[in-house]
């Protein structure tokens, strides 16, 4: 059961992050993109900093390499991800965004091969393939049943696809940070750096924004993105990713778009078709494959070899 905890942490984080699309689809109706992102990250950064100081008593001692990795992880995986995703949501639907983010497992697997040179076991490869089949099922059949496409929709979908690339970087680059830097320290630093990246643009938005016109519900949604998505999901994600391979995590990332699709139907009343269930089936099959332990034969091989040589 203990060995399953990292997988449960990543799964829970992906389900929470899936709500990011739904909540922000509602938020960008009122808030400008940069201001919405700054409020989310600022809230998260304050909470993360307090948690870090309470648990570790200080900020982490980072090497030059750590700073470089965290800079790019924050710029690409936090700043550009939020920018592309929120702007994309102003042009496309949450449901279509969920469909596009189904390609996240492919992006994570690709980054794993290119940057980590990680050899995937057969079950990890099968897990990624199943997740990709789920994405294809949603995309191909979805295109057949959705005739409301326009140039604006296409542009929005392209922006969301760019956000997927940023998500792939965020999910994998944390492994390049020194082992002595804790997951909560990584989460704190990426939140602080993301806040700094958005600050000048958010200040420009805030100068002409009518804060008095924002309802209590909309403020609660902003608070949710800061506390639940930025803090809780990030901590779960970093803790889980530190203990499992990026190959296995590739299948789990597909939970994010599936969560988005389900919630878009429940809360935004967007159409939910049979092919979404087909996609869900493939993705859960992918998770089952990706989390299979190494075969007993491989684990016992070193012991057998030692006995023979003695």
C-alpha atoms as a PDB file:
ATOM      1  CA  UNK A   1       0.000   0.000   0.000  1.00  0.00           C
ATOM      2  CA  UNK A   2       2.867   2.337   0.838  1.00  0.00           C
ATOM      3  CA  UNK A   3       4.328   1.889  -2.654  1.00  0.00           C
ATOM      4  CA  UNK A   4       1.008   3.021  -4.140  1.00  0.00           C
ATOM      5  CA  UNK A   5       1.036   6.387  -2.322  1.00  0.00           C
ATOM      6  CA  UNK A   6       3.165   8.237  -4.938  1.00  0.00           C
ATOM      7  CA  UNK A   7       0.816   7.061  -7.693  1.00  0.00           C
ATOM      8  CA  UNK A   8      -2.219   8.198  -5.680  1.00  0.00           C
ATOM      9  CA  UNK A   9      -0.555  11.579  -5.091  1.00  0.00           C
ATOM     10  CA  UNK A  10       0.051  12.123  -8.810  1.00  0.00           C
ATOM     11  CA  UNK A  11      -3.473  10.922  -9.656  1.00  0.00           C
ATOM     12  CA  UNK A  12      -5.084  13.272  -7.107  1.00  0.00           C
ATOM     13  CA  UNK A  13      -2.940  16.174  -8.334  1.00  0.00           C
ATOM     14  CA  UNK A  14      -3.975  15.561 -11.936  1.00  0.00           C
ATOM     15  CA  UNK A  15      -7.673  15.456 -11.012  1.00  0.00           C
ATOM     16  CA  UNK A  16      -7.305  18.774  -9.178  1.00  0.00           C
ATOM     17  CA  UNK A  17      -5.333  20.359 -12.010  1.00  0.00           C
ATOM     18  CA  UNK A  18      -8.091  19.229 -14.358  1.00  0.00           C
ATOM     19  CA  UNK A  19     -10.409  21.666 -12.594  1.00  0.00           C
ATOM     20  CA  UNK A  20      -7.989  24.469 -13.521  1.00  0.00           C
ATOM     21  CA  UNK A  21      -9.552  24.724 -16.982  1.00  0.00           C
ATOM     22  CA  UNK A  22     -13.128  24.809 -15.679  1.00  0.00           C
ATOM     23  CA  UNK A  23     -12.520  27.354 -12.921  1.00  0.00           C
ATOM     24  CA  UNK A  24     -10.430  29.632 -15.115  1.00  0.00           C
ATOM     25  CA  UNK A  25     -13.013  29.466 -17.899  1.00  0.00           C
ATOM     26  CA  UNK A  26     -15.330  31.142 -15.371  1.00  0.00           C
ATOM     27  CA  UNK A  27     -12.669  33.530 -14.027  1.00  0.00           C
ATOM     28  CA  UNK A  28     -11.571  34.963 -17.409  1.00  0.00           C
ATOM     29  CA  UNK A  29     -15.139  36.122 -17.998  1.00  0.00           C
ATOM     30  CA  UNK A  30     -14.428  38.795 -15.363  1.00  0.00           C
ATOM     31  CA  UNK A  31     -10.665  39.041 -14.760  1.00  0.00           C
ATOM     32  CA  UNK A  32      -7.975  39.892 -17.335  1.00  0.00           C
ATOM     33  CA  UNK A  33      -5.645  36.945 -17.988  1.00  0.00           C
ATOM     34  CA  UNK A  34      -2.500  38.401 -16.404  1.00  0.00           C
ATOM     35  CA  UNK A  35      -4.312  39.679 -13.320  1.00  0.00           C
ATOM     36  CA  UNK A  36      -6.089  36.352 -12.782  1.00  0.00           C
ATOM     37  CA  UNK A  37      -2.797  34.468 -13.010  1.00  0.00           C
ATOM     38  CA  UNK A  38      -1.007  36.895 -10.683  1.00  0.00           C
ATOM     39  CA  UNK A  39      -3.697  36.630  -7.994  1.00  0.00           C
ATOM     40  CA  UNK A  40      -3.584  32.826  -8.187  1.00  0.00           C
ATOM     41  CA  UNK A  41       0.189  32.612  -7.987  1.00  0.00           C
ATOM     42  CA  UNK A  42       0.539  35.325  -5.337  1.00  0.00           C
ATOM     43  CA  UNK A  43      -1.932  33.501  -3.075  1.00  0.00           C
ATOM     44  CA  UNK A  44      -0.112  30.230  -3.636  1.00  0.00           C
ATOM     45  CA  UNK A  45       3.336  31.778  -3.154  1.00  0.00           C
ATOM     46  CA  UNK A  46       2.388  33.292   0.217  1.00  0.00           C
ATOM     47  CA  UNK A  47       0.997  29.979   1.505  1.00  0.00           C
ATOM     48  CA  UNK A  48       3.915  27.986   0.094  1.00  0.00           C
ATOM     49  CA  UNK A  49       6.454  30.317   1.692  1.00  0.00           C
ATOM     50  CA  UNK A  50       4.785  30.021   5.101  1.00  0.00           C
ATOM     51  CA  UNK A  51       4.665  26.219   4.809  1.00  0.00           C
ATOM     52  CA  UNK A  52       8.299  26.055   3.735  1.00  0.00           C
ATOM     53  CA  UNK A  53       9.520  28.250   6.602  1.00  0.00           C
ATOM     54  CA  UNK A  54       7.388  26.316   9.107  1.00  0.00           C
ATOM     55  CA  UNK A  55       8.750  22.938   7.972  1.00  0.00           C
ATOM     56  CA  UNK A  56      12.342  23.733   7.006  1.00  0.00           C
ATOM     57  CA  UNK A  57      13.006  27.070   8.691  1.00  0.00           C
ATOM     58  CA  UNK A  58      14.672  28.638   5.660  1.00  0.00           C
ATOM     59  CA  UNK A  59      14.723  28.905   1.901  1.00  0.00           C
ATOM     60  CA  UNK A  60      16.673  26.154   0.114  1.00  0.00           C
ATOM     61  CA  UNK A  61      20.360  26.514  -0.702  1.00  0.00           C
ATOM     62  CA  UNK A  62      20.244  26.320  -4.482  1.00  0.00           C
ATOM     63  CA  UNK A  63      23.122  25.656  -6.831  1.00  0.00           C
ATOM     64  CA  UNK A  64      23.558  27.581 -10.071  1.00  0.00           C
ATOM     65  CA  UNK A  65      22.138  24.593 -11.942  1.00  0.00           C
ATOM     66  CA  UNK A  66      19.099  24.542  -9.628  1.00  0.00           C
ATOM     67  CA  UNK A  67      18.404  28.223 -10.351  1.00  0.00           C
ATOM     68  CA  UNK A  68      18.636  27.631 -14.103  1.00  0.00           C
ATOM     69  CA  UNK A  69      16.301  24.616 -13.953  1.00  0.00           C
ATOM     70  CA  UNK A  70      13.771  26.389 -11.708  1.00  0.00           C
ATOM     71  CA  UNK A  71      13.872  29.480 -13.923  1.00  0.00           C
ATOM     72  CA  UNK A  72      12.961  27.516 -17.044  1.00  0.00           C
ATOM     73  CA  UNK A  73      10.491  25.294 -15.167  1.00  0.00           C
ATOM     74  CA  UNK A  74       8.738  28.413 -13.844  1.00  0.00           C
ATOM     75  CA  UNK A  75       8.887  30.430 -17.055  1.00  0.00           C
ATOM     76  CA  UNK A  76       7.751  27.627 -19.364  1.00  0.00           C
ATOM     77  CA  UNK A  77       5.702  25.463 -16.998  1.00  0.00           C
ATOM     78  CA  UNK A  78       4.048  28.227 -14.950  1.00  0.00           C
ATOM     79  CA  UNK A  79       4.134  31.560 -16.803  1.00  0.00           C
ATOM     80  CA  UNK A  80       3.733  30.381 -20.402  1.00  0.00           C
ATOM     81  CA  UNK A  81       1.408  27.534 -19.386  1.00  0.00           C
ATOM     82  CA  UNK A  82      -0.973  29.951 -17.637  1.00  0.00           C
ATOM     83  CA  UNK A  83      -0.694  32.549 -20.403  1.00  0.00           C
ATOM     84  CA  UNK A  84      -1.442  30.114 -23.230  1.00  0.00           C
ATOM     85  CA  UNK A  85      -4.139  28.228 -21.319  1.00  0.00           C
ATOM     86  CA  UNK A  86      -6.090  31.262 -20.108  1.00  0.00           C
ATOM     87  CA  UNK A  87      -5.916  33.084 -23.432  1.00  0.00           C
ATOM     88  CA  UNK A  88      -6.862  29.874 -25.207  1.00  0.00           C
ATOM     89  CA  UNK A  89      -9.927  29.521 -22.978  1.00  0.00           C
ATOM     90  CA  UNK A  90     -11.204  32.903 -24.169  1.00  0.00           C
ATOM     91  CA  UNK A  91     -11.477  31.441 -27.692  1.00  0.00           C
ATOM     92  CA  UNK A  92     -12.373  27.772 -27.197  1.00  0.00           C
ATOM     93  CA  UNK A  93     -14.525  25.650 -24.905  1.00  0.00           C
ATOM     94  CA  UNK A  94     -13.426  23.883 -21.742  1.00  0.00           C
ATOM     95  CA  UNK A  95     -14.431  20.571 -23.329  1.00  0.00           C
ATOM     96  CA  UNK A  96     -12.190  21.102 -26.358  1.00  0.00           C
ATOM     97  CA  UNK A  97      -9.392  22.235 -24.058  1.00  0.00           C
ATOM     98  CA  UNK A  98      -9.763  18.950 -22.202  1.00  0.00           C
ATOM     99  CA  UNK A  99      -9.535  17.057 -25.476  1.00  0.00           C
ATOM    100  CA  UNK A 100      -6.327  18.851 -26.470  1.00  0.00           C
ATOM    101  CA  UNK A 101      -4.684  18.396 -23.081  1.00  0.00           C
ATOM    102  CA  UNK A 102      -5.166  14.662 -23.587  1.00  0.00           C
ATOM    103  CA  UNK A 103      -1.891  14.874 -25.488  1.00  0.00           C
ATOM    104  CA  UNK A 104       0.008  15.670 -22.260  1.00  0.00           C
ATOM    105  CA  UNK A 105       1.144  12.005 -21.829  1.00  0.00           C
ATOM    106  CA  UNK A 106       2.779  12.136 -25.252  1.00  0.00           C
ATOM    107  CA  UNK A 107       4.571  15.364 -24.351  1.00  0.00           C
ATOM    108  CA  UNK A 108       5.793  13.986 -21.005  1.00  0.00           C
ATOM    109  CA  UNK A 109       6.998  10.772 -22.624  1.00  0.00           C
ATOM    110  CA  UNK A 110       8.795  12.733 -25.346  1.00  0.00           C
ATOM    111  CA  UNK A 111      10.537  14.975 -22.808  1.00  0.00           C
ATOM    112  CA  UNK A 112      11.485  11.886 -20.770  1.00  0.00           C
ATOM    113  CA  UNK A 113      13.266  10.397 -23.766  1.00  0.00           C
ATOM    114  CA  UNK A 114      14.908  13.625 -24.968  1.00  0.00           C
ATOM    115  CA  UNK A 115      16.086  15.110 -21.669  1.00  0.00           C
ATOM    116  CA  UNK A 116      16.307  12.158 -19.276  1.00  0.00           C
ATOM    117  CA  UNK A 117      17.307   9.394 -21.710  1.00  0.00           C
ATOM    118  CA  UNK A 118      14.981   7.216 -19.673  1.00  0.00           C
ATOM    119  CA  UNK A 119      14.463   3.715 -21.017  1.00  0.00           C
ATOM    120  CA  UNK A 120      10.820   2.787 -20.773  1.00  0.00           C
ATOM    121  CA  UNK A 121       9.779  -0.705 -19.651  1.00  0.00           C
ATOM    122  CA  UNK A 122       7.238  -2.510 -21.801  1.00  0.00           C
ATOM    123  CA  UNK A 123       4.408  -1.761 -19.361  1.00  0.00           C
ATOM    124  CA  UNK A 124       5.263   1.954 -19.291  1.00  0.00           C
ATOM    125  CA  UNK A 125       5.268   2.033 -23.082  1.00  0.00           C
ATOM    126  CA  UNK A 126       1.926   0.210 -23.129  1.00  0.00           C
ATOM    127  CA  UNK A 127       0.575   2.727 -20.623  1.00  0.00           C
ATOM    128  CA  UNK A 128       1.570   5.667 -22.805  1.00  0.00           C
ATOM    129  CA  UNK A 129       0.153   3.964 -25.909  1.00  0.00           C
ATOM    130  CA  UNK A 130      -3.203   3.399 -24.164  1.00  0.00           C
ATOM    131  CA  UNK A 131      -3.284   7.019 -23.024  1.00  0.00           C
ATOM    132  CA  UNK A 132      -2.540   8.179 -26.576  1.00  0.00           C
ATOM    133  CA  UNK A 133      -5.288   5.908 -27.932  1.00  0.00           C
ATOM    134  CA  UNK A 134      -7.645   7.533 -25.446  1.00  0.00           C
ATOM    135  CA  UNK A 135      -6.597  10.949 -26.717  1.00  0.00           C
ATOM    136  CA  UNK A 136      -7.071   9.871 -30.335  1.00  0.00           C
ATOM    137  CA  UNK A 137     -10.503   8.411 -29.557  1.00  0.00           C
ATOM    138  CA  UNK A 138     -11.612  11.726 -28.086  1.00  0.00           C
ATOM    139  CA  UNK A 139     -10.070  13.830 -30.863  1.00  0.00           C
ATOM    140  CA  UNK A 140     -11.090  11.770 -33.895  1.00  0.00           C
ATOM    141  CA  UNK A 141     -14.651  10.961 -32.864  1.00  0.00           C
ATOM    142  CA  UNK A 142     -15.026  14.418 -31.346  1.00  0.00           C
ATOM    143  CA  UNK A 143     -14.183  16.004 -34.686  1.00  0.00           C
ATOM    144  CA  UNK A 144     -16.900  13.940 -36.355  1.00  0.00           C
ATOM    145  CA  UNK A 145     -19.593  15.143 -33.953  1.00  0.00           C
ATOM    146  CA  UNK A 146     -18.521  18.779 -33.537  1.00  0.00           C
ATOM    147  CA  UNK A 147     -19.272  21.020 -36.519  1.00  0.00           C
ATOM    148  CA  UNK A 148     -19.019  24.372 -34.693  1.00  0.00           C
ATOM    149  CA  UNK A 149     -15.354  25.007 -35.484  1.00  0.00           C
ATOM    150  CA  UNK A 150     -14.141  28.491 -36.494  1.00  0.00           C
ATOM    151  CA  UNK A 151     -10.816  30.301 -36.869  1.00  0.00           C
ATOM    152  CA  UNK A 152     -11.224  31.630 -33.322  1.00  0.00           C
ATOM    153  CA  UNK A 153     -11.732  28.091 -32.034  1.00  0.00           C
ATOM    154  CA  UNK A 154      -8.717  26.883 -33.981  1.00  0.00           C
ATOM    155  CA  UNK A 155      -6.562  29.679 -32.524  1.00  0.00           C
ATOM    156  CA  UNK A 156      -7.763  28.880 -29.018  1.00  0.00           C
ATOM    157  CA  UNK A 157      -6.978  25.200 -29.488  1.00  0.00           C
ATOM    158  CA  UNK A 158      -3.473  26.056 -30.718  1.00  0.00           C
ATOM    159  CA  UNK A 159      -2.852  28.150 -27.595  1.00  0.00           C
ATOM    160  CA  UNK A 160      -4.024  25.273 -25.397  1.00  0.00           C
ATOM    161  CA  UNK A 161      -1.675  22.927 -27.277  1.00  0.00           C
ATOM    162  CA  UNK A 162       1.218  25.274 -26.468  1.00  0.00           C
ATOM    163  CA  UNK A 163       0.102  25.156 -22.831  1.00  0.00           C
ATOM    164  CA  UNK A 164       0.382  21.363 -22.986  1.00  0.00           C
ATOM    165  CA  UNK A 165       4.045  21.712 -23.951  1.00  0.00           C
ATOM    166  CA  UNK A 166       4.562  23.945 -20.928  1.00  0.00           C
ATOM    167  CA  UNK A 167       2.838  21.414 -18.692  1.00  0.00           C
ATOM    168  CA  UNK A 168       5.153  18.699 -19.972  1.00  0.00           C
ATOM    169  CA  UNK A 169       8.196  20.761 -18.991  1.00  0.00           C
ATOM    170  CA  UNK A 170       6.775  21.489 -15.539  1.00  0.00           C
ATOM    171  CA  UNK A 171       6.022  17.822 -14.866  1.00  0.00           C
ATOM    172  CA  UNK A 172       9.487  16.578 -15.768  1.00  0.00           C
ATOM    173  CA  UNK A 173      12.063  19.296 -15.095  1.00  0.00           C
ATOM    174  CA  UNK A 174      11.696  19.113 -11.313  1.00  0.00           C
ATOM    175  CA  UNK A 175      13.782  15.922 -11.469  1.00  0.00           C
ATOM    176  CA  UNK A 176      16.796  17.992 -12.559  1.00  0.00           C
ATOM    177  CA  UNK A 177      16.868  19.949  -9.291  1.00  0.00           C
ATOM    178  CA  UNK A 178      19.315  18.744  -6.605  1.00  0.00           C
ATOM    179  CA  UNK A 179      17.985  15.865  -4.501  1.00  0.00           C
ATOM    180  CA  UNK A 180      18.434  17.808  -1.257  1.00  0.00           C
ATOM    181  CA  UNK A 181      15.886  20.395  -2.408  1.00  0.00           C
ATOM    182  CA  UNK A 182      12.513  19.204  -1.080  1.00  0.00           C
ATOM    183  CA  UNK A 183       9.298  19.075  -3.146  1.00  0.00           C
ATOM    184  CA  UNK A 184       7.767  21.886  -1.081  1.00  0.00           C
ATOM    185  CA  UNK A 185      10.864  24.034  -1.681  1.00  0.00           C
ATOM    186  CA  UNK A 186      10.603  23.438  -5.435  1.00  0.00           C
ATOM    187  CA  UNK A 187       6.895  24.305  -5.370  1.00  0.00           C
ATOM    188  CA  UNK A 188       7.594  27.475  -3.375  1.00  0.00           C
ATOM    189  CA  UNK A 189      10.326  28.673  -5.708  1.00  0.00           C
ATOM    190  CA  UNK A 190       8.295  28.034  -8.871  1.00  0.00           C
ATOM    191  CA  UNK A 191       5.334  29.903  -7.354  1.00  0.00           C
ATOM    192  CA  UNK A 192       7.530  32.865  -6.371  1.00  0.00           C
ATOM    193  CA  UNK A 193       9.211  32.988  -9.770  1.00  0.00           C
ATOM    194  CA  UNK A 194       5.865  32.682 -11.544  1.00  0.00           C
ATOM    195  CA  UNK A 195       4.507  35.550  -9.439  1.00  0.00           C
ATOM    196  CA  UNK A 196       7.497  37.692 -10.432  1.00  0.00           C
ATOM    197  CA  UNK A 197       7.024  36.912 -14.132  1.00  0.00           C
ATOM    198  CA  UNK A 198       3.356  37.965 -14.085  1.00  0.00           C
ATOM    199  CA  UNK A 199       3.741  41.022 -11.813  1.00  0.00           C
ATOM    200  CA  UNK A 200       4.432  43.815 -14.372  1.00  0.00           C
ATOM    201  CA  UNK A 201       1.667  42.641 -16.715  1.00  0.00           C
ATOM    202  CA  UNK A 202      -0.800  42.169 -13.840  1.00  0.00           C
ATOM    203  CA  UNK A 203      -0.043  45.671 -12.541  1.00  0.00           C
ATOM    204  CA  UNK A 204      -0.940  47.063 -15.974  1.00  0.00           C
ATOM    205  CA  UNK A 205      -4.244  45.116 -15.934  1.00  0.00           C
ATOM    206  CA  UNK A 206      -5.033  46.188 -12.368  1.00  0.00           C
ATOM    207  CA  UNK A 207      -4.657  49.900 -13.161  1.00  0.00           C
ATOM    208  CA  UNK A 208      -7.878  49.884 -15.203  1.00  0.00           C
ATOM    209  CA  UNK A 209      -9.763  46.987 -13.562  1.00  0.00           C
ATOM    210  CA  UNK A 210     -12.932  47.529 -11.506  1.00  0.00           C
ATOM    211  CA  UNK A 211     -12.359  45.314  -8.450  1.00  0.00           C
ATOM    212  CA  UNK A 212     -15.681  46.438  -6.918  1.00  0.00           C
ATOM    213  CA  UNK A 213     -17.577  44.697  -9.730  1.00  0.00           C
ATOM    214  CA  UNK A 214     -16.226  41.257  -8.770  1.00  0.00           C
ATOM    215  CA  UNK A 215     -18.740  39.010  -6.993  1.00  0.00           C
ATOM    216  CA  UNK A 216     -18.018  36.945  -3.877  1.00  0.00           C
ATOM    217  CA  UNK A 217     -18.288  33.747  -5.930  1.00  0.00           C
ATOM    218  CA  UNK A 218     -15.659  34.976  -8.380  1.00  0.00           C
ATOM    219  CA  UNK A 219     -13.299  35.850  -5.521  1.00  0.00           C
ATOM    220  CA  UNK A 220     -13.814  32.342  -4.105  1.00  0.00           C
ATOM    221  CA  UNK A 221     -12.913  30.865  -7.484  1.00  0.00           C
ATOM    222  CA  UNK A 222      -9.688  32.882  -7.510  1.00  0.00           C
ATOM    223  CA  UNK A 223      -8.960  31.698  -3.959  1.00  0.00           C
ATOM    224  CA  UNK A 224      -9.587  28.097  -5.039  1.00  0.00           C
ATOM    225  CA  UNK A 225      -7.034  28.391  -7.843  1.00  0.00           C
ATOM    226  CA  UNK A 226      -4.483  29.803  -5.409  1.00  0.00           C
ATOM    227  CA  UNK A 227      -4.979  27.362  -2.528  1.00  0.00           C
ATOM    228  CA  UNK A 228      -6.179  24.070  -3.995  1.00  0.00           C
ATOM    229  CA  UNK A 229      -4.646  24.117  -7.475  1.00  0.00           C
ATOM    230  CA  UNK A 230      -1.427  26.049  -6.879  1.00  0.00           C
ATOM    231  CA  UNK A 231      -0.605  24.765  -3.379  1.00  0.00           C
ATOM    232  CA  UNK A 232      -2.215  21.384  -2.703  1.00  0.00           C
ATOM    233  CA  UNK A 233      -1.966  19.981  -6.240  1.00  0.00           C
ATOM    234  CA  UNK A 234       1.620  21.176  -6.686  1.00  0.00           C
ATOM    235  CA  UNK A 235       2.786  19.605  -3.415  1.00  0.00           C
ATOM    236  CA  UNK A 236       1.093  16.301  -4.264  1.00  0.00           C
ATOM    237  CA  UNK A 237       2.573  16.380  -7.751  1.00  0.00           C
ATOM    238  CA  UNK A 238       6.134  17.093  -6.641  1.00  0.00           C
ATOM    239  CA  UNK A 239       6.011  14.452  -3.890  1.00  0.00           C
ATOM    240  CA  UNK A 240       4.652  11.806  -6.237  1.00  0.00           C
ATOM    241  CA  UNK A 241       6.885  12.629  -9.220  1.00  0.00           C
ATOM    242  CA  UNK A 242       9.992  12.436  -7.021  1.00  0.00           C
ATOM    243  CA  UNK A 243       9.293   8.737  -6.349  1.00  0.00           C
ATOM    244  CA  UNK A 244       8.040   7.382  -9.666  1.00  0.00           C
ATOM    245  CA  UNK A 245       9.562   7.360 -13.124  1.00  0.00           C
ATOM    246  CA  UNK A 246       8.579   9.966 -15.686  1.00  0.00           C
ATOM    247  CA  UNK A 247       7.493   7.088 -17.930  1.00  0.00           C
ATOM    248  CA  UNK A 248       4.863   5.926 -15.435  1.00  0.00           C
ATOM    249  CA  UNK A 249       3.750   9.489 -14.730  1.00  0.00           C
ATOM    250  CA  UNK A 250       3.046   9.993 -18.437  1.00  0.00           C
ATOM    251  CA  UNK A 251      -0.075   7.823 -18.234  1.00  0.00           C
ATOM    252  CA  UNK A 252      -1.288   9.579 -15.069  1.00  0.00           C
ATOM    253  CA  UNK A 253      -1.187  13.001 -16.708  1.00  0.00           C
ATOM    254  CA  UNK A 254      -4.120  11.916 -18.869  1.00  0.00           C
ATOM    255  CA  UNK A 255      -6.328  12.159 -15.770  1.00  0.00           C
ATOM    256  CA  UNK A 256      -6.092  15.946 -16.067  1.00  0.00           C
ATOM    257  CA  UNK A 257      -8.009  16.272 -19.376  1.00  0.00           C
ATOM    258  CA  UNK A 258     -10.462  13.534 -18.414  1.00  0.00           C
ATOM    259  CA  UNK A 259     -11.251  15.410 -15.228  1.00  0.00           C
ATOM    260  CA  UNK A 260     -11.705  18.573 -17.315  1.00  0.00           C
ATOM    261  CA  UNK A 261     -14.088  16.854 -19.718  1.00  0.00           C
ATOM    262  CA  UNK A 262     -16.267  15.419 -16.948  1.00  0.00           C
ATOM    263  CA  UNK A 263     -16.432  18.726 -15.054  1.00  0.00           C
ATOM    264  CA  UNK A 264     -17.159  20.717 -18.212  1.00  0.00           C
ATOM    265  CA  UNK A 265     -20.258  18.582 -18.688  1.00  0.00           C
ATOM    266  CA  UNK A 266     -21.305  18.819 -15.022  1.00  0.00           C
ATOM    267  CA  UNK A 267     -20.608  22.497 -14.288  1.00  0.00           C
ATOM    268  CA  UNK A 268     -20.571  24.210 -17.696  1.00  0.00           C
ATOM    269  CA  UNK A 269     -23.236  21.950 -19.231  1.00  0.00           C
ATOM    270  CA  UNK A 270     -21.131  21.237 -22.305  1.00  0.00           C
ATOM    271  CA  UNK A 271     -22.075  18.172 -24.330  1.00  0.00           C
ATOM    272  CA  UNK A 272     -20.671  14.825 -23.192  1.00  0.00           C
ATOM    273  CA  UNK A 273     -20.569  12.086 -25.829  1.00  0.00           C
ATOM    274  CA  UNK A 274     -20.036   8.323 -25.823  1.00  0.00           C
ATOM    275  CA  UNK A 275     -16.501   8.667 -27.180  1.00  0.00           C
ATOM    276  CA  UNK A 276     -15.489  10.434 -23.971  1.00  0.00           C
ATOM    277  CA  UNK A 277     -16.248   7.191 -22.111  1.00  0.00           C
ATOM    278  CA  UNK A 278     -14.113   5.336 -24.652  1.00  0.00           C
ATOM    279  CA  UNK A 279     -11.243   7.726 -23.966  1.00  0.00           C
ATOM    280  CA  UNK A 280     -11.626   7.269 -20.214  1.00  0.00           C
ATOM    281  CA  UNK A 281     -11.477   3.476 -20.627  1.00  0.00           C
ATOM    282  CA  UNK A 282      -8.212   3.696 -22.585  1.00  0.00           C
ATOM    283  CA  UNK A 283      -6.653   6.078 -20.067  1.00  0.00           C
ATOM    284  CA  UNK A 284      -7.447   3.919 -17.050  1.00  0.00           C
ATOM    285  CA  UNK A 285      -6.058   0.929 -18.934  1.00  0.00           C
ATOM    286  CA  UNK A 286      -2.917   2.992 -19.443  1.00  0.00           C
ATOM    287  CA  UNK A 287      -2.665   3.699 -15.724  1.00  0.00           C
ATOM    288  CA  UNK A 288      -3.064  -0.015 -14.952  1.00  0.00           C
ATOM    289  CA  UNK A 289      -0.192  -0.874 -17.319  1.00  0.00           C
ATOM    290  CA  UNK A 290       2.089   1.956 -16.180  1.00  0.00           C
ATOM    291  CA  UNK A 291       1.860   1.021 -12.496  1.00  0.00           C
ATOM    292  CA  UNK A 292       2.663  -2.681 -12.923  1.00  0.00           C
ATOM    293  CA  UNK A 293       5.753  -3.562 -10.820  1.00  0.00           C
ATOM    294  CA  UNK A 294       8.876  -4.988 -12.495  1.00  0.00           C
ATOM    295  CA  UNK A 295       8.630  -8.737 -13.104  1.00  0.00           C
ATOM    296  CA  UNK A 296       9.760 -11.056 -10.329  1.00  0.00           C
ATOM    297  CA  UNK A 297      12.195 -12.692 -12.686  1.00  0.00           C
ATOM    298  CA  UNK A 298      14.083  -9.460 -13.215  1.00  0.00           C
ATOM    299  CA  UNK A 299      14.108  -8.633  -9.532  1.00  0.00           C
ATOM    300  CA  UNK A 300      15.479 -12.060  -8.561  1.00  0.00           C
ATOM    301  CA  UNK A 301      18.109 -12.230 -11.294  1.00  0.00           C
ATOM    302  CA  UNK A 302      20.914 -10.511  -9.301  1.00  0.00           C
ATOM    303  CA  UNK A 303      20.339 -12.866  -6.347  1.00  0.00           C
ATOM    304  CA  UNK A 304      20.489 -15.930  -8.582  1.00  0.00           C
ATOM    305  CA  UNK A 305      23.690 -14.688 -10.219  1.00  0.00           C
ATOM    306  CA  UNK A 306      25.316 -14.102  -6.835  1.00  0.00           C
ATOM    307  CA  UNK A 307      24.436 -17.621  -5.638  1.00  0.00           C
ATOM    308  CA  UNK A 308      25.845 -19.169  -8.778  1.00  0.00           C
ATOM    309  CA  UNK A 309      29.150 -17.302  -8.568  1.00  0.00           C
ATOM    310  CA  UNK A 310      29.639 -18.218  -4.919  1.00  0.00           C
END
